[in-house]
Amino acid sequence: MNAGCFFTLVLIFCYWFCLPVYAVGQLQPMDSQKSIIEGAIDFHIHSSPDVIPRRLDDFEVAKFAASAHMKAVVLKNHYGSTAARAVLVNKIVPQIEVFGGIVLNHSVGGINPQAVEAMHRIGGKYGKVVWLPTVDSEHHLKVFHKSGIGIKVAENGQLLPETAAVLKIVARDNLVLETGHISSAEVMAVVRQARLLNIKNILITHAMADVPGLSLENMQTAAQMGAFLELAFVNDLMGENAADDGHKNWHHVSINQMVAAIKLIGAEHFVLSTDLGRKPDPLPAEGYKLFVKKLMDEGISQPEIDLMMKENPARLLGI
């Protein structure tokens, strides 16, 4: 073996096996003490490869989460399935479970039952999550004043046939149904039908954000029908002072607002996530730690935190 080949192998070894020790781009040692997010599950992380520049790739996300002693993460991409990616990451980083899924935007054919089938067949137990339309939903385009033909999942309170077909696959294969960026009226129609189909794993995507923009009353009703409500840390970083330009046109959802919702509805109905991944924002694992600390500083107890960051998401994923 010549010197060049040997040096290349050393670099590859250092990348894969030494990465968890240092923060990307910062070269700061990771905390060796017990992690505040030990055993946590992050249900919403954006990683590269992606259309939008991301801070970490799939493998880096998993390695940093594992170094924080987290239990699992879910990789999300608005434009392509992450199921096959999750399968590969689990082989390289076996210290943590990594799940993927599919977002039903235009790039996968919209509300496409065949795409859902393929995602789950490819991903197996790691191809677990089905998001209804996000950036291509009619509601998202309307809220953020974007042009284009948006995707609807329901009309006049009734699910469209293709939506109903997707829900039947979710029910049959015991997948997780996430509501994406559809309107509050569509969310309620989806949750009602999901309940009739005995879908056990429903998560309202960042319920308090502009999209879907659920009222507290709608959140209570959805929770009563068996849906979990996602609280995403990124929403506390949004607004006119956001570090990322793409987040400045979203409204800020404060930690105080999230705490008030938890106290009103009950921690047993919530799931914590970060929805992080953009370059100006914190690394996902570090953001999760900050999120938990802020919630606890505002009076959320450790048992409530454990429900929202460990038990509820584990129940959704079946782990």
Protein backbone atom coordinates (compact mmCIF):
# COMPACT_ATOMS: atom_id res chain seq x y z
CA MET A 1 0.00 0.00 0.00
CA ASN A 2 1.50 3.36 -0.98
CA ALA A 3 1.61 6.38 1.35
CA GLY A 4 -1.28 8.16 -0.42
CA CYS A 5 -3.68 5.23 0.02
CA PHE A 6 -2.69 4.83 3.66
CA PHE A 7 -3.31 8.52 4.37
CA THR A 8 -6.74 8.32 2.70
CA LEU A 9 -7.73 5.35 4.86
CA VAL A 10 -6.65 7.23 8.00
CA LEU A 11 -8.82 10.21 7.02
CA ILE A 12 -11.85 7.97 6.43
CA PHE A 13 -11.32 6.27 9.81
CA CYS A 14 -11.09 9.63 11.59
CA TYR A 15 -14.23 10.94 9.89
CA TRP A 16 -16.45 8.00 10.83
CA PHE A 17 -15.12 7.13 14.25
CA CYS A 18 -13.89 10.43 15.68
CA LEU A 19 -16.73 12.71 14.53
CA PRO A 20 -18.86 12.36 17.70
CA VAL A 21 -16.06 13.80 19.80
CA TYR A 22 -16.16 17.22 18.19
CA ALA A 23 -18.86 19.72 17.18
CA VAL A 24 -18.87 20.26 13.41
CA GLY A 25 -17.01 23.42 12.44
CA GLN A 26 -16.40 24.30 16.11
CA LEU A 27 -13.98 21.60 17.32
CA GLN A 28 -15.39 21.74 20.82
CA PRO A 29 -15.40 18.58 22.96
CA MET A 30 -18.81 17.10 23.59
CA ASP A 31 -20.02 17.06 27.20
CA SER A 32 -18.93 13.84 28.89
CA GLN A 33 -21.45 14.26 31.73
CA LYS A 34 -24.90 12.73 31.66
CA SER A 35 -26.89 14.31 28.86
CA ILE A 36 -30.08 16.23 29.63
CA ILE A 37 -31.56 14.52 26.56
CA GLU A 38 -30.42 10.99 27.35
CA GLY A 39 -33.00 8.57 25.92
CA ALA A 40 -34.72 11.32 23.92
CA ILE A 41 -36.23 10.96 20.46
CA ASP A 42 -36.14 13.83 17.95
CA PHE A 43 -39.04 13.32 15.55
CA HIS A 44 -38.07 16.07 13.12
CA ILE A 45 -34.55 16.70 11.77
CA HIS A 46 -33.55 18.01 8.33
CA SER A 47 -30.20 16.75 7.04
CA SER A 48 -28.28 16.65 3.79
CA PRO A 49 -28.39 15.68 1.01
CA ASP A 50 -31.21 18.17 0.45
CA VAL A 51 -32.37 20.97 -1.82
CA ILE A 52 -31.85 23.42 1.06
CA PRO A 53 -28.31 23.66 2.51
CA ARG A 54 -28.10 21.74 5.81
CA ARG A 55 -25.57 21.80 8.64
CA LEU A 56 -25.17 18.03 8.93
CA ASP A 57 -25.55 14.99 6.72
CA ASP A 58 -27.53 11.91 7.80
CA PHE A 59 -24.51 10.18 9.33
CA GLU A 60 -23.40 13.26 11.26
CA VAL A 61 -26.91 13.72 12.68
CA ALA A 62 -26.89 10.14 13.93
CA LYS A 63 -23.38 10.35 15.39
CA PHE A 64 -24.07 13.56 17.31
CA ALA A 65 -27.39 12.21 18.59
CA ALA A 66 -25.69 8.99 19.69
CA SER A 67 -22.98 10.97 21.47
CA ALA A 68 -25.75 12.75 23.43
CA HIS A 69 -27.12 9.29 24.35
CA MET A 70 -30.37 9.85 22.49
CA LYS A 71 -32.56 6.86 21.64
CA ALA A 72 -33.70 7.70 18.10
CA VAL A 73 -34.10 10.38 15.44
CA VAL A 74 -36.40 10.80 12.45
CA LEU A 75 -34.97 12.24 9.21
CA LYS A 76 -37.29 14.45 7.19
CA ASN A 77 -36.94 15.78 3.64
CA HIS A 78 -39.59 17.82 1.85
CA TYR A 79 -38.61 16.50 -1.59
CA GLY A 80 -37.60 12.86 -1.30
CA SER A 81 -37.99 9.75 0.81
CA THR A 82 -35.56 9.27 3.70
CA ALA A 83 -36.43 5.60 4.27
CA ALA A 84 -33.53 4.09 2.33
CA ARG A 85 -31.18 6.67 3.87
CA ALA A 86 -32.30 5.59 7.34
CA VAL A 87 -31.56 1.94 6.55
CA LEU A 88 -27.98 2.81 5.57
CA VAL A 89 -27.39 5.08 8.57
CA ASN A 90 -28.52 2.32 10.95
CA LYS A 91 -25.81 0.07 9.52
CA ILE A 92 -23.07 2.68 9.98
CA VAL A 93 -24.22 4.13 13.33
CA PRO A 94 -25.81 1.22 15.24
CA GLN A 95 -25.67 3.05 18.58
CA ILE A 96 -28.95 4.84 17.79
CA GLU A 97 -32.08 4.07 15.78
CA VAL A 98 -32.71 6.27 12.76
CA PHE A 99 -36.11 6.39 11.05
CA GLY A 100 -37.24 7.91 7.79
CA GLY A 101 -40.35 8.42 5.76
CA ILE A 102 -41.92 10.32 2.91
CA VAL A 103 -43.49 13.75 2.50
CA LEU A 104 -46.33 13.77 -0.03
CA ASN A 105 -45.32 16.84 -2.01
CA HIS A 106 -45.28 17.26 -5.80
CA SER A 107 -41.79 15.72 -6.14
CA VAL A 108 -43.14 12.28 -5.17
CA GLY A 109 -46.42 12.63 -7.06
CA GLY A 110 -48.40 14.41 -4.34
CA ILE A 111 -50.93 12.26 -2.48
CA ASN A 112 -49.48 9.12 -3.98
CA PRO A 113 -50.38 5.77 -2.36
CA GLN A 114 -47.82 3.95 -4.53
CA ALA A 115 -45.02 6.17 -3.20
CA VAL A 116 -46.07 5.34 0.37
CA GLU A 117 -46.07 1.63 -0.42
CA ALA A 118 -42.58 1.84 -1.95
CA MET A 119 -41.20 3.88 0.95
CA HIS A 120 -42.28 1.29 3.50
CA ARG A 121 -41.15 -1.69 1.42
CA ILE A 122 -37.70 -0.16 0.95
CA GLY A 123 -37.30 1.09 4.50
CA GLY A 124 -38.89 -1.81 6.33
CA LYS A 125 -39.26 -0.99 10.01
CA TYR A 126 -37.19 2.16 9.49
CA GLY A 127 -39.50 3.50 6.76
CA LYS A 128 -42.09 4.56 9.27
CA VAL A 129 -43.45 8.10 8.79
CA VAL A 130 -45.88 9.54 6.23
CA TRP A 131 -46.20 13.31 6.13
CA LEU A 132 -49.10 14.89 4.29
CA PRO A 133 -48.06 17.80 2.02
CA THR A 134 -45.80 20.45 3.49
CA VAL A 135 -44.27 23.16 1.27
CA ASP A 136 -46.57 22.20 -1.64
CA SER A 137 -49.82 22.19 0.32
CA GLU A 138 -52.44 24.70 -0.78
CA HIS A 139 -52.53 26.10 2.74
CA HIS A 140 -48.75 26.62 2.89
CA LEU A 141 -48.72 28.48 -0.42
CA LYS A 142 -51.59 30.69 0.72
CA VAL A 143 -50.12 31.51 4.14
CA PHE A 144 -46.69 32.43 2.74
CA HIS A 145 -48.04 34.14 -0.41
CA LYS A 146 -46.36 31.77 -2.83
CA SER A 147 -47.49 30.99 -6.37
CA GLY A 148 -48.19 27.54 -7.74
CA ILE A 149 -50.83 24.85 -7.64
CA GLY A 150 -51.18 23.66 -4.07
CA ILE A 151 -52.15 20.19 -2.95
CA LYS A 152 -55.35 19.66 -0.97
CA VAL A 153 -56.14 16.59 1.10
CA ALA A 154 -59.81 17.36 1.80
CA GLU A 155 -62.69 19.47 0.56
CA ASN A 156 -65.71 20.57 2.58
CA GLY A 157 -64.61 18.42 5.49
CA GLN A 158 -64.33 15.25 3.39
CA LEU A 159 -61.06 13.55 2.51
CA LEU A 160 -60.21 13.26 -1.16
CA PRO A 161 -60.12 9.64 -2.43
CA GLU A 162 -56.34 9.58 -2.75
CA THR A 163 -55.96 10.81 0.82
CA ALA A 164 -58.30 8.11 2.05
CA ALA A 165 -56.21 5.53 0.16
CA VAL A 166 -53.02 6.73 1.88
CA LEU A 167 -54.67 6.56 5.29
CA LYS A 168 -55.70 2.97 4.64
CA ILE A 169 -52.06 2.03 3.97
CA VAL A 170 -50.99 3.82 7.15
CA ALA A 171 -53.60 1.88 9.12
CA ARG A 172 -52.73 -1.46 7.52
CA ASP A 173 -48.97 -1.17 8.05
CA ASN A 174 -49.13 0.63 11.41
CA LEU A 175 -47.19 3.64 10.12
CA VAL A 176 -47.02 7.12 11.67
CA LEU A 177 -49.30 9.71 10.05
CA GLU A 178 -48.07 13.30 10.25
CA THR A 179 -50.31 16.14 9.09
CA GLY A 180 -47.68 18.36 7.44
CA HIS A 181 -48.56 21.95 6.50
CA ILE A 182 -52.23 21.48 5.61
CA SER A 183 -54.95 23.78 6.98
CA SER A 184 -56.50 23.39 10.40
CA ALA A 185 -59.81 22.36 8.80
CA GLU A 186 -58.01 19.67 6.81
CA VAL A 187 -56.12 18.54 9.92
CA MET A 188 -59.38 17.99 11.79
CA ALA A 189 -60.90 16.09 8.85
CA VAL A 190 -57.81 13.86 8.66
CA VAL A 191 -57.80 13.15 12.40
CA ARG A 192 -61.51 12.28 12.38
CA GLN A 193 -61.07 9.81 9.50
CA ALA A 194 -57.86 8.39 10.97
CA ARG A 195 -59.75 7.65 14.17
CA LEU A 196 -62.45 5.80 12.22
CA LEU A 197 -59.74 3.72 10.52
CA ASN A 198 -58.20 2.93 13.93
CA ILE A 199 -54.91 4.63 13.06
CA LYS A 200 -53.05 4.65 16.35
CA ASN A 201 -50.07 6.81 15.46
CA ILE A 202 -51.04 10.39 14.53
CA LEU A 203 -48.83 13.43 15.03
CA ILE A 204 -49.91 17.00 14.28
CA THR A 205 -46.81 18.58 12.71
CA HIS A 206 -45.63 21.68 14.67
CA ALA A 207 -49.21 22.29 15.72
CA MET A 208 -48.67 25.87 16.94
CA ALA A 209 -46.78 27.15 13.88
CA ASP A 210 -48.27 29.25 11.04
CA VAL A 211 -48.90 26.00 9.22
CA PRO A 212 -51.16 24.32 10.23
CA GLY A 213 -51.96 27.15 12.67
CA LEU A 214 -54.25 25.20 14.97
CA SER A 215 -56.15 27.06 17.67
CA LEU A 216 -55.85 25.81 21.24
CA GLU A 217 -59.42 24.54 20.93
CA ASN A 218 -58.52 22.53 17.82
CA MET A 219 -55.43 21.19 19.56
CA GLN A 220 -57.56 20.04 22.50
CA THR A 221 -60.06 18.36 20.17
CA ALA A 222 -57.33 16.60 18.18
CA ALA A 223 -55.73 15.37 21.40
CA GLN A 224 -59.07 14.06 22.63
CA MET A 225 -59.37 12.09 19.39
CA GLY A 226 -56.01 10.43 20.02
CA ALA A 227 -53.58 12.60 18.06
CA PHE A 228 -50.26 13.74 19.50
CA LEU A 229 -49.24 17.39 19.10
CA GLU A 230 -45.71 18.26 18.03
CA LEU A 231 -43.86 21.17 19.62
CA ALA A 232 -40.84 22.13 17.51
CA PHE A 233 -37.96 24.14 18.96
CA VAL A 234 -37.33 25.87 15.63
CA ASN A 235 -40.59 27.80 16.05
CA ASP A 236 -39.05 29.61 19.02
CA LEU A 237 -36.20 30.67 16.70
CA MET A 238 -38.51 32.05 14.01
CA GLY A 239 -39.84 35.55 13.46
CA GLU A 240 -38.38 38.86 12.34
CA ASN A 241 -35.20 38.28 14.35
CA ALA A 242 -34.56 34.76 13.00
CA ALA A 243 -30.96 33.89 12.14
CA ASP A 244 -32.14 32.18 8.94
CA ASP A 245 -33.74 34.43 6.32
CA GLY A 246 -36.17 31.66 5.38
CA HIS A 247 -37.65 31.77 8.88
CA LYS A 248 -38.24 35.52 9.11
CA ASN A 249 -41.68 35.29 7.48
CA TRP A 250 -42.89 32.78 10.08
CA HIS A 251 -44.40 33.94 13.35
CA HIS A 252 -42.44 33.43 16.54
CA VAL A 253 -43.94 30.79 18.85
CA SER A 254 -42.45 31.47 22.26
CA ILE A 255 -41.49 28.93 24.90
CA ASN A 256 -44.08 30.60 27.16
CA GLN A 257 -46.81 29.90 24.59
CA MET A 258 -45.73 26.27 24.34
CA VAL A 259 -45.67 25.91 28.12
CA ALA A 260 -49.18 27.37 28.38
CA ALA A 261 -50.43 24.80 25.83
CA ILE A 262 -48.76 21.95 27.71
CA LYS A 263 -50.34 23.02 30.99
CA LEU A 264 -53.77 23.43 29.37
CA ILE A 265 -53.88 20.20 27.34
CA GLY A 266 -51.48 17.95 29.26
CA ALA A 267 -47.96 16.69 28.53
CA GLU A 268 -49.35 13.25 27.75
CA HIS A 269 -50.56 14.65 24.41
CA PHE A 270 -47.31 16.28 23.22
CA VAL A 271 -44.13 15.24 21.42
CA LEU A 272 -40.97 17.37 21.45
CA SER A 273 -38.80 17.79 18.37
CA THR A 274 -36.34 20.34 17.02
CA ASP A 275 -37.10 20.69 13.28
CA LEU A 276 -33.51 21.91 13.03
CA GLY A 277 -31.04 21.52 10.20
CA ARG A 278 -30.54 24.94 8.60
CA LYS A 279 -26.99 26.26 8.72
CA PRO A 280 -27.51 29.37 10.93
CA ASP A 281 -29.43 27.38 13.56
CA PRO A 282 -28.02 25.24 16.41
CA LEU A 283 -27.00 21.65 15.79
CA PRO A 284 -30.06 19.43 16.39
CA ALA A 285 -28.76 17.68 19.53
CA GLU A 286 -27.57 20.97 21.03
CA GLY A 287 -30.86 22.63 20.13
CA TYR A 288 -32.77 19.80 21.82
CA LYS A 289 -30.79 20.34 25.03
CA LEU A 290 -31.55 24.06 24.94
CA PHE A 291 -35.24 23.37 24.28
CA VAL A 292 -35.54 21.07 27.28
CA LYS A 293 -33.67 23.51 29.52
CA LYS A 294 -35.96 26.38 28.49
CA LEU A 295 -39.10 24.32 29.13
CA MET A 296 -37.87 23.28 32.55
CA ASP A 297 -36.92 26.87 33.40
CA GLU A 298 -40.56 27.79 32.73
CA GLY A 299 -41.95 25.17 35.10
CA ILE A 300 -42.28 21.98 33.05
CA SER A 301 -41.35 19.06 35.32
CA GLN A 302 -38.94 16.22 34.58
CA PRO A 303 -41.78 13.65 34.39
CA GLU A 304 -43.56 15.87 31.84
CA ILE A 305 -40.35 16.25 29.84
CA ASP A 306 -39.85 12.48 29.86
CA LEU A 307 -43.37 11.95 28.55
CA MET A 308 -42.85 14.36 25.66
CA MET A 309 -39.27 13.55 24.67
CA LYS A 310 -39.16 9.80 25.43
CA GLU A 311 -42.41 7.94 26.08
CA ASN A 312 -44.81 9.54 23.59
CA PRO A 313 -42.47 9.48 20.58
CA ALA A 314 -41.38 5.93 21.42
CA ARG A 315 -45.02 4.89 21.43
CA LEU A 316 -45.50 6.44 17.97
CA LEU A 317 -42.46 4.65 16.55
CA GLY A 318 -43.20 1.37 18.33
CA ILE A 319 -39.80 1.19 20.06
